[in-house]
Amino acid sequence: MLKQQNSSQQYNDELGWFKQGKYIEADEGYTEAIRMNREDPEYYNIKGEDLFEQGKYSEAEVCFNEAIKLRGDNPDYHYNKGNVLRVLRNISEAEECYNEAIRLKGDNPDYHYNKGNVLRMVGKYKEAEECYNDAITLNGNNAEYHFTKGNVLRMLGNNIEAEVCYNKAIRLKEDNPDYHNNKGLALYNLKRYIEAEACFNEAIRLKGDNPVYYNNKEQTLYNLGKNTEAQACSNEANRLKAIKLFCDNP
């Protein structure tokens, strides 16, 4: 006799698909699970996360709305909806979602961090910095928090403190080329060109196919009077851009 799968078992099976990155299989499973148990908000939440990973943002928002309707006191549902709205560039509503998530659970650093991200998107750098500070207070071992705070400080013209943030990020995750590149940008703004060149060299060592790093090094070398080396960097940047253009448009 065939054994019917209950909704809880269905949920666990589809959660397994989701964690394996098999989003389409998970999506189909969650649709069936929701049909079997329409009053459980977690099915809508996980299906929303699945749709988000597939880039189906409007559909994901619908799922998170259903989850919130069933259980509005779960901060993760508001946070996940905020993430969707941030991608859709609905900034004011995204901020509202993050605020509600923080109101419900203020000790989650990601809530503060992504609220900072939406504020940064609209140029509210000082407010974003405050959010990043809150995130770092809750979890000072996240390299991305320090890196993003450094970016905001650099946009505010505070390159000295930005360098401090980039150093912290690099100490936590030294193999990220963007951390070295952006530290180089702060040093360039401070006219510390020799140190900036060293940062761009390290970024290139870690990821030598990014033309931006070569362009940044190029400008630094010109300021150091190394025109021949600067031109070589420009040529390499143009070569990499041409390769990318060809690969994107075969």
Protein backbone atom coordinates (compact mmCIF):
# COMPACT_ATOMS: atom_id res chain seq x y z
CA MET A 1 0.00 0.00 0.00
CA LEU A 2 1.34 3.44 -0.92
CA LYS A 3 2.13 5.73 2.02
CA GLN A 4 0.83 9.27 1.80
CA GLN A 5 3.36 11.96 2.71
CA ASN A 6 2.15 14.36 5.38
CA SER A 7 2.69 18.13 5.18
CA SER A 8 5.51 18.13 7.74
CA GLN A 9 7.41 15.51 5.79
CA GLN A 10 6.74 17.44 2.59
CA TYR A 11 8.16 20.58 4.21
CA ASN A 12 11.36 18.79 5.25
CA ASP A 13 11.81 17.26 1.81
CA GLU A 14 11.44 20.59 0.02
CA LEU A 15 13.65 22.37 2.55
CA GLY A 16 16.31 19.83 1.56
CA TRP A 17 15.89 20.74 -2.12
CA PHE A 18 16.14 24.43 -1.25
CA LYS A 19 19.37 24.00 0.73
CA GLN A 20 20.86 22.04 -2.18
CA GLY A 21 20.12 24.95 -4.50
CA LYS A 22 17.47 22.98 -6.40
CA TYR A 23 15.04 25.88 -6.37
CA ILE A 24 12.63 24.76 -9.07
CA GLU A 25 12.11 21.38 -7.41
CA ALA A 26 11.64 23.11 -4.06
CA ASP A 27 9.19 25.61 -5.57
CA GLU A 28 7.00 22.83 -6.92
CA GLY A 29 7.12 21.04 -3.59
CA TYR A 30 6.25 24.10 -1.53
CA THR A 31 3.29 24.84 -3.78
CA GLU A 32 1.96 21.40 -2.96
CA ALA A 33 2.79 21.78 0.72
CA ILE A 34 0.89 25.07 0.88
CA ARG A 35 -2.09 23.42 -0.78
CA MET A 36 -2.04 20.78 1.96
CA ASN A 37 -1.64 23.26 4.83
CA ARG A 38 -2.61 26.84 4.00
CA GLU A 39 -2.40 28.11 7.57
CA ASP A 40 1.32 27.51 8.16
CA PRO A 41 3.26 30.74 7.44
CA GLU A 42 6.62 29.00 7.20
CA TYR A 43 5.67 27.33 3.93
CA TYR A 44 4.99 30.74 2.40
CA ASN A 45 8.23 32.12 3.85
CA ILE A 46 10.43 29.34 2.49
CA LYS A 47 8.69 29.42 -0.88
CA GLY A 48 9.31 33.18 -0.91
CA GLU A 49 13.01 32.61 -0.22
CA ASP A 50 13.07 30.06 -3.04
CA LEU A 51 11.44 32.51 -5.48
CA PHE A 52 13.84 35.23 -4.36
CA GLU A 53 16.81 33.01 -5.25
CA GLN A 54 15.28 32.47 -8.69
CA GLY A 55 14.94 36.24 -9.20
CA LYS A 56 11.14 36.12 -9.08
CA TYR A 57 10.92 39.08 -6.75
CA SER A 58 7.30 40.12 -7.16
CA GLU A 59 6.13 36.55 -6.60
CA ALA A 60 8.39 36.28 -3.57
CA GLU A 61 6.85 39.44 -2.11
CA VAL A 62 3.39 37.88 -2.41
CA CYS A 63 4.58 34.88 -0.38
CA PHE A 64 6.15 37.01 2.34
CA ASN A 65 2.93 39.05 2.54
CA GLU A 66 1.00 35.82 3.12
CA ALA A 67 3.46 34.74 5.80
CA ILE A 68 3.15 38.11 7.55
CA LYS A 69 -0.65 37.96 7.32
CA LEU A 70 -0.60 34.63 9.14
CA ARG A 71 2.08 35.56 11.66
CA GLY A 72 3.02 39.20 11.80
CA ASP A 73 5.20 38.84 14.87
CA ASN A 74 7.94 36.90 13.08
CA PRO A 75 10.79 39.34 12.34
CA ASP A 76 12.32 37.15 9.62
CA TYR A 77 9.23 37.52 7.46
CA HIS A 78 9.44 41.31 7.57
CA TYR A 79 13.19 41.13 6.95
CA ASN A 80 12.78 38.85 3.94
CA LYS A 81 10.10 41.12 2.49
CA GLY A 82 12.45 44.05 3.03
CA ASN A 83 15.14 42.26 1.03
CA VAL A 84 12.74 41.81 -1.87
CA LEU A 85 11.64 45.43 -1.78
CA ARG A 86 15.28 46.54 -1.65
CA VAL A 87 16.04 44.65 -4.86
CA LEU A 88 12.91 46.13 -6.42
CA ARG A 89 14.21 49.55 -5.27
CA ASN A 90 11.09 50.25 -3.24
CA ILE A 91 13.27 51.95 -0.68
CA SER A 92 10.74 53.50 1.71
CA GLU A 93 8.75 50.29 2.13
CA ALA A 94 11.92 48.24 2.46
CA GLU A 95 13.08 50.51 5.27
CA GLU A 96 9.70 50.09 6.98
CA CYS A 97 10.09 46.31 6.81
CA TYR A 98 13.57 46.43 8.32
CA ASN A 99 12.34 48.78 11.04
CA GLU A 100 9.59 46.33 11.95
CA ALA A 101 12.04 43.42 11.98
CA ILE A 102 14.34 45.42 14.28
CA ARG A 103 11.41 46.36 16.52
CA LEU A 104 10.57 42.69 16.92
CA LYS A 105 14.15 41.46 17.29
CA GLY A 106 16.70 44.21 17.70
CA ASP A 107 19.67 41.93 18.34
CA ASN A 108 19.94 40.57 14.78
CA PRO A 109 22.87 42.36 13.09
CA ASP A 110 21.71 41.55 9.56
CA TYR A 111 18.53 43.54 10.09
CA HIS A 112 20.56 46.65 10.92
CA TYR A 113 23.05 45.98 8.12
CA ASN A 114 20.46 45.71 5.37
CA LYS A 115 18.57 48.71 6.68
CA GLY A 116 21.89 50.52 6.25
CA ASN A 117 22.11 49.22 2.70
CA VAL A 118 18.77 50.70 1.67
CA LEU A 119 19.70 54.03 3.23
CA ARG A 120 23.02 53.97 1.39
CA MET A 121 21.19 53.35 -1.89
CA VAL A 122 19.47 56.74 -1.58
CA GLY A 123 22.54 58.61 -0.40
CA LYS A 124 21.66 58.73 3.30
CA TYR A 125 25.24 57.87 4.20
CA LYS A 126 25.28 59.19 7.75
CA GLU A 127 22.15 57.26 8.69
CA ALA A 128 23.54 54.19 6.95
CA GLU A 129 26.75 54.50 8.97
CA GLU A 130 24.72 54.42 12.18
CA CYS A 131 23.07 51.19 11.04
CA TYR A 132 26.42 49.62 10.23
CA ASN A 133 27.69 50.66 13.65
CA ASP A 134 24.74 48.84 15.23
CA ALA A 135 25.46 45.75 13.15
CA ILE A 136 29.14 45.81 14.10
CA THR A 137 28.27 46.25 17.78
CA LEU A 138 26.20 43.07 17.57
CA ASN A 139 28.75 41.17 15.46
CA GLY A 140 32.20 42.67 15.04
CA ASN A 141 33.56 39.62 13.24
CA ASN A 142 31.69 40.11 9.98
CA ALA A 143 34.13 41.45 7.40
CA GLU A 144 31.38 42.73 5.11
CA TYR A 145 29.99 45.00 7.81
CA HIS A 146 33.36 46.74 8.21
CA PHE A 147 33.90 46.90 4.44
CA THR A 148 30.51 48.47 3.74
CA LYS A 149 30.93 50.93 6.58
CA GLY A 150 34.28 51.86 5.03
CA ASN A 151 32.56 52.53 1.71
CA VAL A 152 30.06 54.87 3.35
CA LEU A 153 32.80 56.72 5.23
CA ARG A 154 34.72 57.14 1.98
CA MET A 155 31.60 58.58 0.34
CA LEU A 156 31.37 61.00 3.27
CA GLY A 157 34.97 62.04 2.62
CA ASN A 158 36.26 60.43 5.82
CA ASN A 159 39.04 58.44 4.18
CA ILE A 160 41.11 58.04 7.35
CA GLU A 161 38.33 56.19 9.20
CA ALA A 162 37.45 54.36 5.99
CA GLU A 163 40.99 52.97 5.90
CA VAL A 164 40.54 51.72 9.48
CA CYS A 165 37.37 49.88 8.43
CA TYR A 166 39.05 48.35 5.38
CA ASN A 167 41.94 47.15 7.52
CA LYS A 168 39.50 45.43 9.86
CA ALA A 169 37.73 43.81 6.92
CA ILE A 170 41.04 42.62 5.46
CA ARG A 171 42.14 41.22 8.80
CA LEU A 172 38.95 39.16 8.93
CA LYS A 173 39.01 38.11 5.25
CA GLU A 174 42.27 38.91 3.55
CA ASP A 175 41.52 37.08 0.30
CA ASN A 176 38.76 39.44 -0.85
CA PRO A 177 40.20 41.62 -3.65
CA ASP A 178 37.53 44.31 -3.32
CA TYR A 179 38.65 45.01 0.25
CA HIS A 180 42.18 45.76 -0.96
CA ASN A 181 40.93 47.74 -3.95
CA ASN A 182 38.69 49.99 -1.88
CA LYS A 183 41.40 50.51 0.72
CA GLY A 184 43.51 51.64 -2.21
CA LEU A 185 40.80 54.13 -3.18
CA ALA A 186 40.81 55.64 0.31
CA LEU A 187 44.61 55.90 0.25
CA TYR A 188 44.47 57.44 -3.23
CA ASN A 189 42.08 60.09 -1.92
CA LEU A 190 44.59 60.77 0.86
CA LYS A 191 47.32 61.12 -1.81
CA ARG A 192 49.23 58.18 -0.33
CA TYR A 193 49.92 56.87 -3.79
CA ILE A 194 52.66 54.36 -3.01
CA GLU A 195 50.47 52.60 -0.44
CA ALA A 196 47.50 52.78 -2.80
CA GLU A 197 49.53 51.12 -5.55
CA ALA A 198 50.38 48.27 -3.17
CA CYS A 199 46.67 47.76 -2.46
CA PHE A 200 45.77 47.67 -6.14
CA ASN A 201 48.62 45.22 -6.74
CA GLU A 202 47.19 42.92 -4.08
CA ALA A 203 43.70 43.17 -5.57
CA ILE A 204 45.14 42.26 -8.98
CA ARG A 205 47.09 39.36 -7.47
CA LEU A 206 43.89 37.98 -5.99
CA LYS A 207 41.72 38.60 -9.08
CA GLY A 208 43.71 39.54 -12.12
CA ASP A 209 40.80 39.61 -14.56
CA ASN A 210 39.09 42.71 -13.15
CA PRO A 211 39.82 45.73 -15.37
CA VAL A 212 38.71 48.17 -12.66
CA TYR A 213 41.72 47.27 -10.53
CA TYR A 214 44.07 48.00 -13.44
CA ASN A 215 42.38 51.34 -14.13
CA ASN A 216 42.76 52.32 -10.49
CA LYS A 217 46.40 51.31 -10.52
CA GLU A 218 46.83 53.24 -13.78
CA GLN A 219 45.66 56.52 -12.24
CA THR A 220 47.86 55.95 -9.21
CA LEU A 221 50.92 55.34 -11.35
CA TYR A 222 50.32 58.53 -13.31
CA ASN A 223 50.32 60.43 -10.04
CA LEU A 224 53.64 58.77 -9.20
CA GLY A 225 55.07 59.82 -12.55
CA LYS A 226 55.29 56.20 -13.77
CA ASN A 227 53.71 56.92 -17.12
CA THR A 228 55.00 53.84 -18.97
CA GLU A 229 53.70 51.47 -16.29
CA ALA A 230 50.44 53.39 -16.17
CA GLN A 231 49.96 52.95 -19.92
CA ALA A 232 50.61 49.22 -19.57
CA CYS A 233 47.85 49.05 -16.95
CA SER A 234 45.52 50.93 -19.25
CA ASN A 235 46.26 48.51 -22.08
CA GLU A 236 45.59 45.51 -19.83
CA ALA A 237 42.32 47.02 -18.59
CA ASN A 238 41.17 47.58 -22.17
CA ARG A 239 42.15 44.03 -23.11
CA LEU A 240 40.10 42.60 -20.23
CA LYS A 241 37.12 44.81 -21.09
CA ALA A 242 37.25 43.59 -24.69
CA ILE A 243 37.29 39.96 -23.54
CA LYS A 244 34.31 40.55 -21.26
CA LEU A 245 32.40 42.32 -24.01
CA PHE A 246 33.05 39.40 -26.36
CA CYS A 247 32.00 36.83 -23.75
CA ASP A 248 28.84 38.75 -22.94
CA ASN A 249 27.99 39.15 -26.63
CA PRO A 250 29.40 36.12 -28.47
